Amino acid sequence: MYRYMMKELMLIIAGLTVCAVLFLLVLSQGAAASL
């Protein structure tokens, strides 16, 4: 059970990290396009 929870937590953290990186990339692209 504990190991399963750790695996789920890692997946959630990885997903949030990917979303944050994509969000920052989109923001930087939008800022560059508006300049």
C-alpha atoms as a PDB file:
ATOM      1  CA  MET A   1       0.000   0.000   0.000  1.00  0.00           C
ATOM      2  CA  TYR A   2       2.733   2.446   0.999  1.00  0.00           C
ATOM      3  CA  ARG A   3       4.748   1.690  -2.122  1.00  0.00           C
ATOM      4  CA  TYR A   4       1.659   2.194  -4.280  1.00  0.00           C
ATOM      5  CA  MET A   5       1.046   5.585  -2.653  1.00  0.00           C
ATOM      6  CA  MET A   6       4.642   6.656  -3.307  1.00  0.00           C
ATOM      7  CA  LYS A   7       4.260   5.644  -6.959  1.00  0.00           C
ATOM      8  CA  GLU A   8       1.058   7.671  -7.265  1.00  0.00           C
ATOM      9  CA  LEU A   9       2.728  10.658  -5.598  1.00  0.00           C
ATOM     10  CA  MET A  10       5.663  10.473  -8.016  1.00  0.00           C
ATOM     11  CA  LEU A  11       3.282  10.358 -10.990  1.00  0.00           C
ATOM     12  CA  ILE A  12       1.343  13.368  -9.688  1.00  0.00           C
ATOM     13  CA  ILE A  13       4.538  15.366  -9.087  1.00  0.00           C
ATOM     14  CA  ALA A  14       5.870  14.437 -12.540  1.00  0.00           C
ATOM     15  CA  GLY A  15       2.588  15.467 -14.161  1.00  0.00           C
ATOM     16  CA  LEU A  16       2.513  18.808 -12.336  1.00  0.00           C
ATOM     17  CA  THR A  17       6.143  19.474 -13.286  1.00  0.00           C
ATOM     18  CA  VAL A  18       5.426  18.782 -16.966  1.00  0.00           C
ATOM     19  CA  CYS A  19       2.360  21.055 -16.848  1.00  0.00           C
ATOM     20  CA  ALA A  20       4.385  23.840 -15.207  1.00  0.00           C
ATOM     21  CA  VAL A  21       7.169  23.577 -17.804  1.00  0.00           C
ATOM     22  CA  LEU A  22       4.671  23.619 -20.688  1.00  0.00           C
ATOM     23  CA  PHE A  23       2.899  26.615 -19.112  1.00  0.00           C
ATOM     24  CA  LEU A  24       6.191  28.527 -18.825  1.00  0.00           C
ATOM     25  CA  LEU A  25       7.086  27.659 -22.431  1.00  0.00           C
ATOM     26  CA  VAL A  26       3.706  28.929 -23.653  1.00  0.00           C
ATOM     27  CA  LEU A  27       4.110  32.134 -21.622  1.00  0.00           C
ATOM     28  CA  SER A  28       7.614  32.746 -22.993  1.00  0.00           C
ATOM     29  CA  GLN A  29       6.407  32.093 -26.554  1.00  0.00           C
ATOM     30  CA  GLY A  30       3.473  34.475 -26.069  1.00  0.00           C
ATOM     31  CA  ALA A  31       5.726  37.171 -24.610  1.00  0.00           C
ATOM     32  CA  ALA A  32       8.193  36.809 -27.489  1.00  0.00           C
ATOM     33  CA  ALA A  33       5.370  37.002 -30.047  1.00  0.00           C
ATOM     34  CA  SER A  34       3.882  40.153 -28.483  1.00  0.00           C
ATOM     35  CA  LEU A  35       7.203  42.020 -28.537  1.00  0.00           C
END
